[in-house]
Every structure is written in structure tokens, then in C-alpha cells.
Amino acid sequence: MLDVQPDPVTAFRLSTDRKTTPFARPRKGKGANGAEPLANAFGLPSGPDYSCENATEWCWPGTCYASKLETFPGVRNLLAHNWSVYQKYRKSTPDLHRAMDDMLDEFERACDKRGVAPVFRWFWDGDIPSREFAHAMRAQAYNRRHVQFWAYTRNFDAVPHLLHQPNLTVYLSVDNCNVDAALEMNERWDRAYGRNKPAKFAFCGDTWDETEELAARFKGERTGPRCPELTGKIPMVVWGSEGTGRGACVECGMCLTGINNVRFSSQKG
């Protein structure tokens, strides 16, 4: 459990994420994946006691990679701060929107300084905690249409409040524990949108075969490729000849814009 204390500061804070960053400098002595990344991600504490009300038996706590990083004091303190801000404003979409402003302004300034396209990952840790937060996310995307946002979520109730904003890509994270709810949503989308569905699927499992079997249950849906970073096809940080790099997600680009469904396995390679 995180020791979450009240915090008088009223703005959310950014996280760094090597895999998603649009810009990184090498970090000496840390190997090919050692990097000082531009901060372009947001997180909340994980687990059903915090932001992951819709955590499944598959993802929590066993396969949740993000929860393992919460043991580091700097990460834990940042997430605790964000949780305190969320608790302060959780009932108000306008207040949540304002709490995001400084964070996203800082991110955009950093992208401008480095001359890179602004791409932003919601929830490298945790999940969308409420409909109010989802509304604020969508409003930020509407107000910042030059920024490409993306998110994966198991909060299916929040998904309808995120849709139809072209620069906000939404993936439903599906595993064997929540697949029935995902299939029901897919059927509704089939009737309403046909092939032009407003969100994509991230099929998750212990093995790649399991993710493929899961995807096969969604008739008419593309299976989606394996995440190329997890298979080793793309390194976590891709370095250019000029000595700077960018994360695997930016190098791949698929999830950022929702080109296809995708598969994630806890079995790498």
C-alpha cells in the first residue's frame, strides 16, 4: 500500500517513460536502454485500492509491471502526489482539467524545445479512475488537437466518454478475466459502427498463443501484431546517428494512432 498523504499542490505531475518518449539523451554507464527521457506520461497508483477499480485477476497484482516500479521512492512519491490531487478534484471535471493544464503545458514546452512531435501517454501506471477524469482527458485532447494522446484501459465504463476525438486513441485492455464484457461492447459497436469502430483492442495474456486465442473470439476483428518491443524487434530506446533517441512506441507508431489492434504477453520474445 502506498503512503498517500494530503498534498497542498494542486497540479498533476509528469512521469518519464523510456518506451513512450519522443526524445531521449543517453545516460552514461546504463547500456543501450539507459536514457534520460523527455517526460510525456501520466500515472496514478495502481491496484483496486487506488485507480484500478477494474483490475482483473490476470493483471493484478501478478503481471502488473508498473506496480513493481512503485517500490522506488521517487516513483511512489510522484504517484502519491497525483493521487492526492485527484482526490481533491475527483468530483469536478473542470477542476481536473485545470489540474492537468500545467503538466501538459510543461510537456509541450519540452517538445517544442527539442523539436519533436508532441505525443502523450495517459496511464503508464494505474487506470482511468472515473468518468469525470475521462471527460477531462477528452477535453484536453479537444483543446490540444496538435498533441497525439493515447491510453489503454480496463475501465470500460469510461470508454464512451473518450471516443470520437481524433487525436485521442483508446485501447480496451482485454484478458481472459474481462473478455465477456469486452465482447459485449464489441457487439454494440458492430451494430452502431460496423467496421469503423471508435476504439481498438489490446489483447493480453501469459503467452503469445493465449493472446491470439483471445483475439480469435472477436469475430471480424484483426488479431493485431505482437508488441514489437516485447518481441525484441524494436529496442526500448532507438538511438539515432545524432546521438539522441526515442522510445519504441514512437518508433513503431501503431498504438499512438490506433492503426491496428495489438497483443501484449507477459512472456517476452
Protein backbone atom coordinates (compact mmCIF):
# COMPACT_ATOMS: atom_id res chain seq x y z
CA MET A 1 0.00 0.00 0.00
CA LEU A 2 1.21 3.48 -0.81
CA ASP A 3 1.51 6.00 2.00
CA VAL A 4 -0.68 8.67 0.41
CA GLN A 5 -0.56 11.95 2.29
CA PRO A 6 -2.57 15.12 1.54
CA ASP A 7 -0.63 17.49 -0.71
CA PRO A 8 -1.32 21.23 -0.90
CA VAL A 9 -0.06 21.45 -4.51
CA THR A 10 -2.94 21.39 -6.96
CA ALA A 11 -1.34 20.37 -10.27
CA PHE A 12 -0.67 16.88 -11.57
CA ARG A 13 2.93 15.90 -12.30
CA LEU A 14 4.53 14.27 -15.33
CA SER A 15 6.32 10.93 -15.44
CA THR A 16 9.20 9.83 -17.64
CA ASP A 17 8.80 6.62 -19.64
CA ARG A 18 11.64 5.43 -21.86
CA LYS A 19 9.36 3.29 -24.01
CA THR A 20 6.96 6.11 -24.91
CA THR A 21 9.21 9.17 -25.00
CA PRO A 22 9.64 11.17 -28.23
CA PHE A 23 13.14 12.30 -27.18
CA ALA A 24 15.94 10.91 -25.03
CA ARG A 25 19.59 11.52 -24.31
CA PRO A 26 21.93 8.66 -23.44
CA ARG A 27 22.63 8.00 -19.78
CA LYS A 28 26.26 7.06 -19.35
CA GLY A 29 27.05 3.63 -17.99
CA LYS A 30 23.46 2.34 -18.29
CA GLY A 31 23.66 0.39 -21.56
CA ALA A 32 21.61 0.72 -24.74
CA ASN A 33 18.35 1.30 -22.86
CA GLY A 34 19.84 3.78 -20.43
CA ALA A 35 18.24 7.12 -21.21
CA GLU A 36 17.21 10.48 -19.85
CA PRO A 37 13.80 10.75 -21.48
CA LEU A 38 11.57 13.73 -22.10
CA ALA A 39 8.63 13.38 -19.70
CA ASN A 40 5.47 12.58 -21.67
CA ALA A 41 3.43 10.26 -19.47
CA PHE A 42 0.97 10.35 -16.59
CA GLY A 43 0.35 7.84 -13.84
CA LEU A 44 -1.72 7.15 -10.75
CA PRO A 45 -1.16 4.46 -8.10
CA SER A 46 -2.18 1.03 -9.37
CA GLY A 47 -4.43 -1.60 -7.89
CA PRO A 48 -8.09 -1.84 -6.85
CA ASP A 49 -7.48 0.23 -3.70
CA TYR A 50 -6.44 3.15 -5.89
CA SER A 51 -7.11 3.92 -9.56
CA CYS A 52 -7.57 0.39 -10.91
CA GLU A 53 -11.12 -0.36 -9.80
CA ASN A 54 -11.47 -2.61 -12.85
CA ALA A 55 -8.26 -4.57 -12.31
CA THR A 56 -8.66 -8.25 -13.18
CA GLU A 57 -7.24 -11.37 -11.60
CA TRP A 58 -4.86 -11.59 -14.54
CA CYS A 59 -3.36 -8.11 -14.35
CA TRP A 60 -3.31 -7.51 -10.59
CA PRO A 61 -1.02 -7.97 -8.86
CA GLY A 62 0.95 -10.66 -10.66
CA THR A 63 1.60 -9.26 -14.14
CA CYS A 64 1.38 -5.54 -13.35
CA TYR A 65 4.83 -4.30 -14.36
CA ALA A 66 4.05 -0.76 -13.16
CA SER A 67 3.30 -1.81 -9.57
CA LYS A 68 6.83 -3.17 -9.26
CA LEU A 69 8.21 0.31 -10.03
CA GLU A 70 6.16 1.77 -7.18
CA THR A 71 8.73 0.37 -4.76
CA PHE A 72 11.14 3.17 -5.80
CA PRO A 73 10.68 6.18 -3.50
CA GLY A 74 10.74 8.80 -6.28
CA VAL A 75 8.08 6.96 -8.28
CA ARG A 76 6.00 6.29 -5.17
CA ASN A 77 6.08 9.92 -4.09
CA LEU A 78 5.11 11.23 -7.53
CA LEU A 79 2.17 8.84 -7.78
CA ALA A 80 1.06 9.67 -4.24
CA HIS A 81 1.09 13.35 -5.16
CA ASN A 82 -1.05 12.72 -8.25
CA TRP A 83 -3.47 10.64 -6.19
CA SER A 84 -3.82 13.46 -3.66
CA VAL A 85 -4.60 15.94 -6.45
CA TYR A 86 -7.14 13.53 -7.93
CA GLN A 87 -8.84 13.06 -4.57
CA LYS A 88 -9.08 16.82 -4.16
CA TYR A 89 -10.82 17.33 -7.51
CA ARG A 90 -12.31 13.93 -8.32
CA LYS A 91 -15.94 15.14 -8.43
CA SER A 92 -15.29 18.03 -10.83
CA THR A 93 -14.34 17.65 -14.48
CA PRO A 94 -13.41 21.37 -14.83
CA ASP A 95 -11.12 21.20 -11.79
CA LEU A 96 -9.46 18.01 -13.03
CA HIS A 97 -8.97 19.68 -16.41
CA ARG A 98 -7.27 22.66 -14.75
CA ALA A 99 -5.08 20.34 -12.68
CA MET A 100 -3.82 18.82 -15.95
CA ASP A 101 -3.00 22.17 -17.58
CA ASP A 102 0.39 22.96 -16.03
CA MET A 103 1.57 19.38 -16.56
CA LEU A 104 0.61 19.35 -20.24
CA ASP A 105 1.95 22.88 -20.80
CA GLU A 106 5.31 21.76 -19.39
CA PHE A 107 5.28 18.70 -21.66
CA GLU A 108 4.52 20.80 -24.74
CA ARG A 109 7.27 23.29 -23.95
CA ALA A 110 9.76 20.43 -23.69
CA CYS A 111 8.64 19.04 -27.06
CA ASP A 112 8.96 22.49 -28.66
CA LYS A 113 12.44 22.92 -27.21
CA ARG A 114 13.59 19.57 -28.61
CA GLY A 115 11.78 19.97 -31.92
CA VAL A 116 9.80 16.73 -31.61
CA ALA A 117 6.15 15.99 -32.29
CA PRO A 118 4.11 16.01 -29.06
CA VAL A 119 2.85 12.53 -28.14
CA PHE A 120 1.45 11.81 -24.68
CA ARG A 121 0.73 8.52 -22.92
CA TRP A 122 -2.04 8.50 -20.33
CA PHE A 123 -1.59 5.94 -17.56
CA TRP A 124 1.78 4.29 -17.79
CA ASP A 125 0.67 3.23 -14.27
CA GLY A 126 -2.85 2.94 -12.92
CA ASP A 127 -6.05 3.45 -14.90
CA ILE A 128 -8.78 5.98 -15.59
CA PRO A 129 -10.33 6.40 -12.15
CA SER A 130 -13.69 7.94 -13.08
CA ARG A 131 -15.95 9.31 -15.79
CA GLU A 132 -15.05 12.83 -14.65
CA PHE A 133 -11.39 12.12 -15.32
CA ALA A 134 -12.27 10.65 -18.73
CA HIS A 135 -14.23 13.79 -19.60
CA ALA A 136 -11.22 15.93 -18.62
CA MET A 137 -8.91 13.78 -20.78
CA ARG A 138 -11.16 14.21 -23.79
CA ALA A 139 -11.47 17.96 -23.21
CA GLN A 140 -7.69 18.28 -23.07
CA ALA A 141 -7.40 16.43 -26.39
CA TYR A 142 -10.01 18.73 -27.90
CA ASN A 143 -8.14 21.82 -26.69
CA ARG A 144 -4.73 20.47 -27.78
CA ARG A 145 -5.51 18.98 -31.16
CA HIS A 146 -1.87 19.20 -32.21
CA VAL A 147 -0.97 16.66 -29.48
CA GLN A 148 -1.44 12.93 -30.07
CA PHE A 149 -2.73 11.24 -26.90
CA TRP A 150 -3.21 7.52 -26.31
CA ALA A 151 -4.36 5.27 -23.47
CA TYR A 152 -5.07 1.65 -22.60
CA THR A 153 -7.84 0.96 -20.09
CA ARG A 154 -9.82 -1.74 -18.33
CA ASN A 155 -12.38 0.84 -17.24
CA PHE A 156 -14.91 0.07 -19.96
CA ASP A 157 -17.49 2.39 -18.40
CA ALA A 158 -15.15 5.33 -19.05
CA VAL A 159 -14.52 4.46 -22.69
CA PRO A 160 -17.71 6.02 -24.18
CA HIS A 161 -16.65 9.36 -22.64
CA LEU A 162 -13.32 9.30 -24.52
CA LEU A 163 -14.44 8.48 -28.04
CA HIS A 164 -14.69 10.44 -31.30
CA GLN A 165 -11.76 12.74 -30.62
CA PRO A 166 -9.31 12.03 -33.47
CA ASN A 167 -6.13 12.80 -31.51
CA LEU A 168 -7.08 10.59 -28.54
CA THR A 169 -6.55 6.90 -29.26
CA VAL A 170 -8.21 4.45 -26.88
CA TYR A 171 -7.42 0.76 -26.44
CA LEU A 172 -9.53 -1.64 -24.38
CA SER A 173 -7.15 -3.91 -22.46
CA VAL A 174 -8.67 -7.38 -22.71
CA ASP A 175 -7.64 -10.55 -20.88
CA ASN A 176 -9.39 -13.81 -20.03
CA CYS A 177 -10.97 -12.26 -16.94
CA ASN A 178 -12.80 -9.36 -18.64
CA VAL A 179 -13.24 -10.74 -22.14
CA ASP A 180 -17.02 -11.22 -21.82
CA ALA A 181 -17.54 -7.53 -21.07
CA ALA A 182 -15.26 -6.60 -23.97
CA LEU A 183 -17.17 -8.91 -26.33
CA GLU A 184 -20.43 -7.28 -25.30
CA MET A 185 -19.02 -3.83 -26.04
CA ASN A 186 -17.68 -5.07 -29.37
CA GLU A 187 -21.11 -6.35 -30.35
CA ARG A 188 -22.66 -2.97 -29.57
CA TRP A 189 -20.02 -1.27 -31.68
CA ASP A 190 -20.64 -3.72 -34.52
CA ARG A 191 -24.27 -2.68 -34.60
CA ALA A 192 -23.54 1.04 -34.26
CA TYR A 193 -20.40 1.49 -36.35
CA GLY A 194 -19.78 -1.60 -38.45
CA ARG A 195 -16.09 -1.77 -39.36
CA ASN A 196 -15.40 1.82 -38.27
CA LYS A 197 -15.18 1.16 -34.55
CA PRO A 198 -14.16 4.09 -32.35
CA ALA A 199 -11.55 2.21 -30.29
CA LYS A 200 -9.13 -0.69 -30.59
CA PHE A 201 -8.31 -3.78 -28.53
CA ALA A 202 -5.12 -4.69 -26.66
CA PHE A 203 -5.23 -8.46 -26.18
CA CYS A 204 -3.24 -9.51 -23.10
CA GLY A 205 -2.14 -12.93 -21.86
CA ASP A 206 0.58 -15.06 -20.32
CA THR A 207 1.73 -16.34 -23.73
CA TRP A 208 1.52 -15.13 -27.31
CA ASP A 209 -0.65 -18.15 -28.17
CA GLU A 210 -3.07 -17.09 -25.44
CA THR A 211 -3.32 -13.57 -26.87
CA GLU A 212 -4.00 -14.99 -30.32
CA GLU A 213 -6.75 -17.26 -28.99
CA LEU A 214 -8.27 -14.31 -27.16
CA ALA A 215 -8.30 -12.18 -30.30
CA ALA A 216 -9.93 -15.01 -32.27
CA ARG A 217 -13.04 -14.70 -30.10
CA PHE A 218 -13.67 -11.24 -31.59
CA LYS A 219 -15.20 -12.21 -34.93
CA GLY A 220 -14.33 -9.84 -37.73
CA GLU A 221 -11.58 -8.18 -35.68
CA ARG A 222 -7.95 -8.20 -36.74
CA THR A 223 -5.72 -10.21 -34.43
CA GLY A 224 -3.15 -7.45 -34.28
CA PRO A 225 0.62 -7.87 -34.16
CA ARG A 226 2.70 -8.64 -31.11
CA CYS A 227 4.13 -5.56 -29.42
CA PRO A 228 7.49 -5.27 -31.24
CA GLU A 229 9.30 -4.05 -28.14
CA LEU A 230 8.28 -7.16 -26.20
CA THR A 231 9.43 -9.44 -29.01
CA GLY A 232 12.75 -7.64 -29.32
CA LYS A 233 12.04 -6.45 -32.85
CA ILE A 234 12.37 -2.83 -31.68
CA PRO A 235 14.59 -1.92 -28.68
CA MET A 236 13.08 0.03 -25.81
CA VAL A 237 15.08 3.09 -26.92
CA VAL A 238 16.01 3.59 -30.57
CA TRP A 239 19.14 5.70 -30.96
CA GLY A 240 19.79 7.91 -33.97
CA SER A 241 23.08 8.82 -35.61
CA GLU A 242 22.97 12.25 -33.95
CA GLY A 243 23.23 10.65 -30.50
CA THR A 244 19.67 11.16 -29.32
CA GLY A 245 16.87 8.62 -29.26
CA ARG A 246 13.18 7.96 -28.93
CA GLY A 247 11.09 5.25 -27.34
CA ALA A 248 9.90 2.06 -29.02
CA CYS A 249 6.27 3.23 -29.03
CA VAL A 250 7.15 6.35 -31.01
CA GLU A 251 9.40 4.37 -33.37
CA CYS A 252 6.59 1.87 -34.03
CA GLY A 253 3.75 4.41 -34.08
CA MET A 254 0.93 1.87 -34.29
CA CYS A 255 -0.71 2.35 -30.90
CA LEU A 256 -0.29 6.12 -30.93
CA THR A 257 -2.79 6.49 -33.75
CA GLY A 258 -4.75 3.24 -33.40
CA ILE A 259 -3.80 1.74 -36.75
CA ASN A 260 -4.48 -1.78 -35.53
CA ASN A 261 -5.28 -3.93 -32.52
CA VAL A 262 -2.22 -5.07 -30.59
CA ARG A 263 -1.14 -8.00 -28.41
CA PHE A 264 0.84 -7.95 -25.16
CA SER A 265 2.24 -11.02 -23.45
CA SER A 266 3.99 -11.39 -20.11
CA GLN A 267 6.15 -13.95 -21.98
CA LYS A 268 8.72 -11.85 -23.80
CA GLY A 269 10.42 -12.79 -27.05
